[in-house]
Amino acid sequence: MIILGLDPGLGTTGWGVIAADGNRLSHVANGQIKTDPKTALASRLLQLDLALTDLLLEYQPEAAAVEEVFVNSNPQSTLKLGQARGVVLLGASRTGIDVGEYSARTVKKSVVGVGKADKDQVQAMIRILLPGVKLAGADAADALAVAITHAHHRKR
């Protein structure tokens, strides 16, 4: 099963594709979709949607997983994150595939074993779980962690 993990953000959306064969996981690809903060919001959301569509067409995942929104101290940032997340959820579900949603705590617990793990611990475990992976950045690493979480939870 090919699984697309997504870590949504308006400035940078991380993505990661893994293959799950039973308990065996392997890395397929990962990267980041970046939008220009000087561009209008609607254009940035469209750019995100178009890039996601390209990913879905290229890798043809059978499932996708998205990290849930956390609320931060800046309401404007939270709103923009929510809008980017909406584009990601719509884009992934448009293909008819199953789309899972996981909190950051669930992702960390699933990958590292501890819900309060830091980013370095998550990245270290991704390198162990997906040998030879070259991470395109922190957001791509988070997206791979979301995909791994979905692979673990889909069996339940």
N, C-alpha and C. Protein backbone atom coordinates (compact mmCIF):
# COMPACT_ATOMS: atom_id res chain seq x y z
N MET A 1 0.84 -1.18 0.00
CA MET A 1 0.00 0.00 0.00
C MET A 1 0.88 1.24 0.00
N ILE A 2 0.58 2.17 -0.88
CA ILE A 2 1.29 3.45 -0.95
C ILE A 2 0.51 4.46 -0.10
N ILE A 3 1.22 5.12 0.83
CA ILE A 3 0.60 6.07 1.74
C ILE A 3 1.29 7.42 1.61
N LEU A 4 0.48 8.47 1.46
CA LEU A 4 0.98 9.84 1.39
C LEU A 4 0.73 10.51 2.73
N GLY A 5 1.79 10.97 3.37
CA GLY A 5 1.67 11.72 4.61
C GLY A 5 1.83 13.20 4.32
N LEU A 6 1.06 14.03 5.00
CA LEU A 6 1.08 15.47 4.76
C LEU A 6 1.15 16.23 6.08
N ASP A 7 2.06 17.20 6.13
CA ASP A 7 2.18 18.11 7.26
C ASP A 7 1.84 19.50 6.72
N PRO A 8 0.56 19.90 6.82
CA PRO A 8 0.14 21.13 6.15
C PRO A 8 0.67 22.41 6.78
N GLY A 9 0.91 23.36 5.91
CA GLY A 9 1.31 24.70 6.32
C GLY A 9 1.16 25.62 5.12
N LEU A 10 0.86 26.87 5.36
CA LEU A 10 0.70 27.79 4.23
C LEU A 10 2.05 28.12 3.60
N GLY A 11 3.06 28.34 4.42
CA GLY A 11 4.40 28.63 3.89
C GLY A 11 5.08 27.39 3.36
N THR A 12 5.02 26.31 4.12
CA THR A 12 5.64 25.05 3.72
C THR A 12 4.74 23.90 4.13
N THR A 13 4.39 23.08 3.16
CA THR A 13 3.66 21.84 3.42
C THR A 13 4.62 20.70 3.15
N GLY A 14 4.88 19.90 4.17
CA GLY A 14 5.74 18.73 3.99
C GLY A 14 4.93 17.57 3.46
N TRP A 15 5.58 16.75 2.62
CA TRP A 15 4.92 15.54 2.13
C TRP A 15 5.92 14.39 2.15
N GLY A 16 5.37 13.20 2.35
CA GLY A 16 6.19 12.00 2.36
C GLY A 16 5.38 10.82 1.86
N VAL A 17 6.00 10.01 1.04
CA VAL A 17 5.34 8.83 0.48
C VAL A 17 6.10 7.60 0.94
N ILE A 18 5.35 6.64 1.50
CA ILE A 18 5.95 5.37 1.91
C ILE A 18 5.17 4.22 1.30
N ALA A 19 5.80 3.08 1.24
CA ALA A 19 5.13 1.84 0.85
C ALA A 19 5.07 0.96 2.08
N ALA A 20 3.89 0.41 2.34
CA ALA A 20 3.69 -0.48 3.48
C ALA A 20 3.31 -1.86 2.95
N ASP A 21 4.13 -2.83 3.30
CA ASP A 21 3.86 -4.23 2.92
C ASP A 21 3.84 -5.03 4.21
N GLY A 22 2.64 -5.22 4.75
CA GLY A 22 2.55 -5.83 6.07
C GLY A 22 3.17 -4.90 7.08
N ASN A 23 4.13 -5.39 7.86
CA ASN A 23 4.84 -4.56 8.84
C ASN A 23 6.05 -3.87 8.25
N ARG A 24 6.39 -4.19 7.01
CA ARG A 24 7.58 -3.61 6.38
C ARG A 24 7.23 -2.29 5.72
N LEU A 25 7.99 -1.26 6.08
CA LEU A 25 7.80 0.07 5.51
C LEU A 25 9.03 0.44 4.70
N SER A 26 8.82 1.12 3.60
CA SER A 26 9.95 1.62 2.82
C SER A 26 9.66 3.02 2.31
N HIS A 27 10.71 3.78 2.19
CA HIS A 27 10.61 5.16 1.72
C HIS A 27 10.46 5.18 0.21
N VAL A 28 9.54 6.00 -0.28
CA VAL A 28 9.37 6.18 -1.71
C VAL A 28 9.90 7.57 -2.10
N ALA A 29 9.41 8.62 -1.44
CA ALA A 29 9.84 9.98 -1.76
C ALA A 29 9.39 10.92 -0.65
N ASN A 30 10.00 12.10 -0.60
CA ASN A 30 9.56 13.14 0.33
C ASN A 30 9.98 14.50 -0.20
N GLY A 31 9.33 15.52 0.28
CA GLY A 31 9.67 16.87 -0.17
C GLY A 31 8.82 17.91 0.53
N GLN A 32 8.91 19.12 0.02
CA GLN A 32 8.19 20.24 0.61
C GLN A 32 7.57 21.09 -0.50
N ILE A 33 6.35 21.52 -0.27
CA ILE A 33 5.69 22.47 -1.15
C ILE A 33 5.80 23.82 -0.47
N LYS A 34 6.46 24.77 -1.12
CA LYS A 34 6.64 26.10 -0.53
C LYS A 34 5.85 27.13 -1.33
N THR A 35 5.24 28.06 -0.60
CA THR A 35 4.53 29.16 -1.25
C THR A 35 5.19 30.47 -0.86
N ASP A 36 5.07 31.45 -1.71
CA ASP A 36 5.69 32.76 -1.52
C ASP A 36 4.82 33.63 -0.61
N PRO A 37 5.34 34.04 0.54
CA PRO A 37 4.53 34.85 1.47
C PRO A 37 4.13 36.21 0.90
N LYS A 38 4.78 36.65 -0.18
CA LYS A 38 4.43 37.94 -0.79
C LYS A 38 3.24 37.82 -1.74
N THR A 39 2.84 36.58 -2.01
CA THR A 39 1.72 36.32 -2.92
C THR A 39 0.40 36.36 -2.14
N ALA A 40 -0.68 36.70 -2.83
CA ALA A 40 -2.00 36.75 -2.20
C ALA A 40 -2.38 35.37 -1.67
N LEU A 41 -3.16 35.36 -0.58
CA LEU A 41 -3.56 34.11 0.07
C LEU A 41 -4.21 33.14 -0.90
N ALA A 42 -5.15 33.62 -1.69
CA ALA A 42 -5.86 32.73 -2.62
C ALA A 42 -4.89 32.08 -3.61
N SER A 43 -3.93 32.82 -4.08
CA SER A 43 -2.93 32.27 -5.01
C SER A 43 -2.06 31.22 -4.34
N ARG A 44 -1.72 31.46 -3.07
CA ARG A 44 -0.91 30.49 -2.33
C ARG A 44 -1.68 29.19 -2.12
N LEU A 45 -2.97 29.31 -1.80
CA LEU A 45 -3.79 28.11 -1.61
C LEU A 45 -3.94 27.35 -2.92
N LEU A 46 -4.09 28.07 -4.02
CA LEU A 46 -4.18 27.43 -5.33
C LEU A 46 -2.86 26.72 -5.67
N GLN A 47 -1.74 27.37 -5.41
CA GLN A 47 -0.43 26.75 -5.65
C GLN A 47 -0.29 25.46 -4.85
N LEU A 48 -0.73 25.47 -3.62
CA LEU A 48 -0.69 24.29 -2.76
C LEU A 48 -1.54 23.17 -3.36
N ASP A 49 -2.75 23.52 -3.80
CA ASP A 49 -3.66 22.54 -4.39
C ASP A 49 -3.06 21.93 -5.67
N LEU A 50 -2.51 22.77 -6.53
CA LEU A 50 -1.94 22.27 -7.78
C LEU A 50 -0.74 21.35 -7.54
N ALA A 51 0.11 21.73 -6.59
CA ALA A 51 1.27 20.88 -6.27
C ALA A 51 0.83 19.55 -5.67
N LEU A 52 -0.18 19.59 -4.81
CA LEU A 52 -0.70 18.35 -4.22
C LEU A 52 -1.32 17.46 -5.29
N THR A 53 -2.05 18.06 -6.22
CA THR A 53 -2.63 17.29 -7.32
C THR A 53 -1.54 16.58 -8.11
N ASP A 54 -0.44 17.27 -8.38
CA ASP A 54 0.69 16.65 -9.09
C ASP A 54 1.24 15.46 -8.31
N LEU A 55 1.36 15.60 -6.99
CA LEU A 55 1.86 14.50 -6.15
C LEU A 55 0.92 13.30 -6.21
N LEU A 56 -0.37 13.58 -6.10
CA LEU A 56 -1.36 12.50 -6.13
C LEU A 56 -1.34 11.76 -7.48
N LEU A 57 -1.16 12.50 -8.54
CA LEU A 57 -1.09 11.87 -9.87
C LEU A 57 0.19 11.07 -10.05
N GLU A 58 1.29 11.60 -9.54
CA GLU A 58 2.58 10.92 -9.71
C GLU A 58 2.68 9.63 -8.88
N TYR A 59 2.29 9.68 -7.62
CA TYR A 59 2.50 8.54 -6.72
C TYR A 59 1.26 7.66 -6.56
N GLN A 60 0.09 8.16 -6.89
CA GLN A 60 -1.16 7.42 -6.81
C GLN A 60 -1.31 6.63 -5.50
N PRO A 61 -1.28 7.35 -4.37
CA PRO A 61 -1.41 6.66 -3.08
C PRO A 61 -2.79 6.02 -2.92
N GLU A 62 -2.80 4.97 -2.12
CA GLU A 62 -4.06 4.29 -1.79
C GLU A 62 -4.66 4.84 -0.50
N ALA A 63 -3.87 5.63 0.22
CA ALA A 63 -4.34 6.25 1.46
C ALA A 63 -3.49 7.49 1.70
N ALA A 64 -4.04 8.41 2.48
CA ALA A 64 -3.31 9.61 2.86
C ALA A 64 -3.56 9.88 4.34
N ALA A 65 -2.68 10.64 4.94
CA ALA A 65 -2.83 11.01 6.34
C ALA A 65 -2.34 12.44 6.52
N VAL A 66 -3.04 13.19 7.35
CA VAL A 66 -2.77 14.60 7.56
C VAL A 66 -2.63 14.87 9.04
N GLU A 67 -1.65 15.71 9.39
CA GLU A 67 -1.51 16.09 10.79
C GLU A 67 -2.60 17.09 11.15
N GLU A 68 -3.19 16.92 12.33
CA GLU A 68 -4.24 17.82 12.79
C GLU A 68 -3.66 19.18 13.18
N VAL A 69 -4.51 20.19 13.16
CA VAL A 69 -4.11 21.55 13.51
C VAL A 69 -3.96 21.67 15.02
N PHE A 70 -2.92 22.36 15.42
CA PHE A 70 -2.79 22.73 16.82
C PHE A 70 -3.04 24.24 16.89
N VAL A 71 -3.55 24.70 18.00
CA VAL A 71 -3.83 26.12 18.16
C VAL A 71 -2.61 26.77 18.79
N ASN A 72 -2.12 27.85 18.14
CA ASN A 72 -0.99 28.56 18.74
C ASN A 72 -1.46 29.94 19.22
N SER A 73 -0.55 30.74 19.70
CA SER A 73 -0.92 32.02 20.32
C SER A 73 -1.33 33.07 19.31
N ASN A 74 -1.01 32.89 18.04
CA ASN A 74 -1.37 33.88 17.02
C ASN A 74 -2.59 33.39 16.24
N PRO A 75 -3.76 33.99 16.47
CA PRO A 75 -4.98 33.52 15.80
C PRO A 75 -4.88 33.60 14.28
N GLN A 76 -4.21 34.61 13.76
CA GLN A 76 -4.06 34.77 12.31
C GLN A 76 -3.28 33.59 11.72
N SER A 77 -2.22 33.19 12.39
CA SER A 77 -1.42 32.04 11.93
C SER A 77 -2.23 30.75 11.99
N THR A 78 -3.00 30.59 13.05
CA THR A 78 -3.84 29.40 13.19
C THR A 78 -4.86 29.33 12.07
N LEU A 79 -5.46 30.48 11.73
CA LEU A 79 -6.45 30.53 10.66
C LEU A 79 -5.82 30.16 9.32
N LYS A 80 -4.65 30.70 9.02
CA LYS A 80 -3.97 30.39 7.75
C LYS A 80 -3.58 28.91 7.69
N LEU A 81 -3.13 28.37 8.81
CA LEU A 81 -2.79 26.95 8.86
C LEU A 81 -4.04 26.11 8.60
N GLY A 82 -5.16 26.53 9.18
CA GLY A 82 -6.42 25.81 8.97
C GLY A 82 -6.86 25.86 7.51
N GLN A 83 -6.64 26.98 6.86
CA GLN A 83 -7.00 27.09 5.45
C GLN A 83 -6.13 26.17 4.59
N ALA A 84 -4.84 26.13 4.88
CA ALA A 84 -3.93 25.24 4.14
C ALA A 84 -4.31 23.79 4.40
N ARG A 85 -4.66 23.48 5.62
CA ARG A 85 -5.07 22.11 5.97
C ARG A 85 -6.35 21.73 5.23
N GLY A 86 -7.27 22.67 5.10
CA GLY A 86 -8.49 22.42 4.35
C GLY A 86 -8.21 22.09 2.90
N VAL A 87 -7.29 22.82 2.29
CA VAL A 87 -6.90 22.55 0.90
C VAL A 87 -6.30 21.15 0.79
N VAL A 88 -5.46 20.78 1.73
CA VAL A 88 -4.81 19.47 1.72
C VAL A 88 -5.84 18.35 1.90
N LEU A 89 -6.76 18.53 2.85
CA LEU A 89 -7.79 17.50 3.07
C LEU A 89 -8.69 17.36 1.84
N LEU A 90 -9.10 18.47 1.26
CA LEU A 90 -9.94 18.42 0.07
C LEU A 90 -9.21 17.77 -1.09
N GLY A 91 -7.97 18.18 -1.31
CA GLY A 91 -7.19 17.64 -2.42
C GLY A 91 -6.99 16.14 -2.32
N ALA A 92 -6.66 15.68 -1.13
CA ALA A 92 -6.44 14.24 -0.94
C ALA A 92 -7.74 13.46 -1.06
N SER A 93 -8.81 14.00 -0.48
CA SER A 93 -10.08 13.25 -0.51
C SER A 93 -10.75 13.29 -1.88
N ARG A 94 -10.38 14.27 -2.69
CA ARG A 94 -10.95 14.39 -4.04
C ARG A 94 -10.68 13.13 -4.88
N THR A 95 -9.61 12.45 -4.58
CA THR A 95 -9.26 11.24 -5.35
C THR A 95 -10.03 10.01 -4.90
N GLY A 96 -10.76 10.14 -3.79
CA GLY A 96 -11.54 9.01 -3.29
C GLY A 96 -10.80 8.10 -2.34
N ILE A 97 -9.56 8.46 -1.97
CA ILE A 97 -8.79 7.63 -1.05
C ILE A 97 -9.16 7.94 0.39
N ASP A 98 -8.86 6.99 1.27
CA ASP A 98 -9.05 7.16 2.70
C ASP A 98 -8.06 8.20 3.20
N VAL A 99 -8.53 9.17 3.99
CA VAL A 99 -7.66 10.20 4.55
C VAL A 99 -7.76 10.15 6.07
N GLY A 100 -6.66 9.76 6.72
CA GLY A 100 -6.61 9.73 8.18
C GLY A 100 -6.12 11.05 8.73
N GLU A 101 -6.48 11.34 9.96
CA GLU A 101 -6.04 12.55 10.64
C GLU A 101 -5.48 12.19 12.00
N TYR A 102 -4.31 12.73 12.32
CA TYR A 102 -3.64 12.38 13.57
C TYR A 102 -3.07 13.62 14.25
N SER A 103 -3.20 13.66 15.56
CA SER A 103 -2.61 14.76 16.32
C SER A 103 -1.09 14.60 16.34
N ALA A 104 -0.41 15.71 16.58
CA ALA A 104 1.06 15.67 16.67
C ALA A 104 1.49 14.71 17.77
N ARG A 105 0.77 14.70 18.87
CA ARG A 105 1.11 13.80 19.99
C ARG A 105 0.99 12.33 19.57
N THR A 106 -0.07 11.99 18.84
CA THR A 106 -0.26 10.62 18.36
C THR A 106 0.86 10.22 17.41
N VAL A 107 1.24 11.14 16.52
CA VAL A 107 2.32 10.87 15.57
C VAL A 107 3.63 10.60 16.31
N LYS A 108 3.96 11.45 17.26
CA LYS A 108 5.20 11.28 18.02
C LYS A 108 5.19 9.98 18.80
N LYS A 109 4.07 9.67 19.41
CA LYS A 109 3.97 8.43 20.19
C LYS A 109 4.10 7.21 19.28
N SER A 110 3.51 7.29 18.09
CA SER A 110 3.55 6.17 17.15
C SER A 110 4.96 5.93 16.60
N VAL A 111 5.68 7.01 16.34
CA VAL A 111 7.00 6.89 15.71
C VAL A 111 8.11 6.72 16.74
N VAL A 112 8.06 7.50 17.81
CA VAL A 112 9.14 7.49 18.80
C VAL A 112 8.79 6.66 20.03
N GLY A 113 7.49 6.59 20.36
CA GLY A 113 7.07 5.89 21.56
C GLY A 113 6.76 6.82 22.70
N VAL A 114 7.00 8.13 22.48
CA VAL A 114 6.76 9.14 23.49
C VAL A 114 6.01 10.30 22.85
N GLY A 115 4.89 10.70 23.42
CA GLY A 115 4.07 11.75 22.84
C GLY A 115 4.66 13.14 22.91
N LYS A 116 5.69 13.32 23.73
CA LYS A 116 6.32 14.64 23.86
C LYS A 116 7.72 14.66 23.23
N ALA A 117 7.98 13.76 22.29
CA ALA A 117 9.29 13.70 21.64
C ALA A 117 9.55 15.00 20.87
N ASP A 118 10.83 15.37 20.76
CA ASP A 118 11.15 16.56 19.97
C ASP A 118 11.43 16.18 18.52
N LYS A 119 11.59 17.20 17.68
CA LYS A 119 11.77 16.97 16.24
C LYS A 119 13.01 16.13 15.93
N ASP A 120 14.08 16.33 16.70
CA ASP A 120 15.30 15.55 16.46
C ASP A 120 15.07 14.07 16.72
N GLN A 121 14.31 13.75 17.77
CA GLN A 121 14.00 12.35 18.07
C GLN A 121 13.14 11.73 16.97
N VAL A 122 12.17 12.49 16.47
CA VAL A 122 11.31 12.01 15.39
C VAL A 122 12.15 11.73 14.15
N GLN A 123 13.03 12.65 13.79
CA GLN A 123 13.86 12.48 12.60
C GLN A 123 14.81 11.30 12.75
N ALA A 124 15.35 11.11 13.95
CA ALA A 124 16.24 9.97 14.18
C ALA A 124 15.50 8.65 13.99
N MET A 125 14.27 8.57 14.50
CA MET A 125 13.49 7.34 14.34
C MET A 125 13.08 7.11 12.88
N ILE A 126 12.80 8.18 12.16
CA ILE A 126 12.47 8.03 10.74
C ILE A 126 13.65 7.42 9.99
N ARG A 127 14.84 7.87 10.33
CA ARG A 127 16.05 7.33 9.67
C ARG A 127 16.25 5.84 10.01
N ILE A 128 15.80 5.42 11.18
CA ILE A 128 15.88 4.01 11.57
C ILE A 128 14.79 3.20 10.87
N LEU A 129 13.57 3.74 10.86
CA LEU A 129 12.44 3.02 10.27
C LEU A 129 12.50 2.98 8.74
N LEU A 130 13.11 4.01 8.14
CA LEU A 130 13.22 4.09 6.68
C LEU A 130 14.70 4.25 6.30
N PRO A 131 15.48 3.17 6.39
CA PRO A 131 16.92 3.26 6.15
C PRO A 131 17.25 3.89 4.79
N GLY A 132 18.26 4.77 4.81
CA GLY A 132 18.72 5.40 3.58
C GLY A 132 17.93 6.63 3.17
N VAL A 133 16.91 7.00 3.95
CA VAL A 133 16.10 8.16 3.59
C VAL A 133 16.93 9.44 3.66
N LYS A 134 16.74 10.31 2.68
CA LYS A 134 17.34 11.63 2.70
C LYS A 134 16.19 12.61 2.86
N LEU A 135 16.14 13.25 4.00
CA LEU A 135 15.02 14.13 4.32
C LEU A 135 15.16 15.48 3.64
N ALA A 136 14.07 15.93 3.01
CA ALA A 136 14.07 17.22 2.31
C ALA A 136 13.92 18.40 3.27
N GLY A 137 13.70 18.12 4.53
CA GLY A 137 13.55 19.17 5.54
C GLY A 137 12.69 18.68 6.69
N ALA A 138 12.55 19.53 7.69
CA ALA A 138 11.79 19.16 8.89
C ALA A 138 10.33 18.88 8.57
N ASP A 139 9.73 19.65 7.68
CA ASP A 139 8.32 19.43 7.35
C ASP A 139 8.13 18.12 6.60
N ALA A 140 9.08 17.77 5.75
CA ALA A 140 9.02 16.48 5.05
C ALA A 140 9.17 15.33 6.04
N ALA A 141 10.05 15.50 7.03
CA ALA A 141 10.22 14.47 8.06
C ALA A 141 8.93 14.29 8.83
N ASP A 142 8.27 15.40 9.17
CA ASP A 142 7.00 15.30 9.89
C ASP A 142 5.95 14.58 9.04
N ALA A 143 5.94 14.85 7.74
CA ALA A 143 4.98 14.20 6.84
C ALA A 143 5.24 12.70 6.76
N LEU A 144 6.50 12.30 6.71
CA LEU A 144 6.82 10.87 6.71
C LEU A 144 6.36 10.23 8.03
N ALA A 145 6.52 10.96 9.13
CA ALA A 145 6.07 10.45 10.42
C ALA A 145 4.55 10.25 10.42
N VAL A 146 3.83 11.16 9.79
CA VAL A 146 2.37 11.03 9.69
C VAL A 146 2.01 9.80 8.86
N ALA A 147 2.73 9.59 7.76
CA ALA A 147 2.48 8.41 6.91
C ALA A 147 2.77 7.12 7.68
N ILE A 148 3.84 7.09 8.44
CA ILE A 148 4.19 5.92 9.25
C ILE A 148 3.09 5.66 10.29
N THR A 149 2.60 6.73 10.90
CA THR A 149 1.52 6.60 11.88
C THR A 149 0.30 5.97 11.23
N HIS A 150 -0.04 6.42 10.04
CA HIS A 150 -1.21 5.86 9.35
C HIS A 150 -0.98 4.38 9.04
N ALA A 151 0.23 4.03 8.64
CA ALA A 151 0.54 2.62 8.35
C ALA A 151 0.32 1.77 9.59
N HIS A 152 0.71 2.29 10.76
CA HIS A 152 0.55 1.55 12.01
C HIS A 152 -0.92 1.48 12.44
N HIS A 153 -1.66 2.54 12.23
CA HIS A 153 -3.05 2.60 12.69
C HIS A 153 -4.05 1.95 11.73
N ARG A 154 -3.71 1.82 10.47
CA ARG A 154 -4.66 1.27 9.50
C ARG A 154 -4.97 -0.20 9.79
N LYS A 155 -4.09 -0.87 10.50
CA LYS A 155 -4.27 -2.29 10.81
C LYS A 155 -5.31 -2.50 11.90
N ARG A 156 -5.57 -1.44 12.68
CA ARG A 156 -6.47 -1.57 13.83
C ARG A 156 -7.91 -1.40 13.42
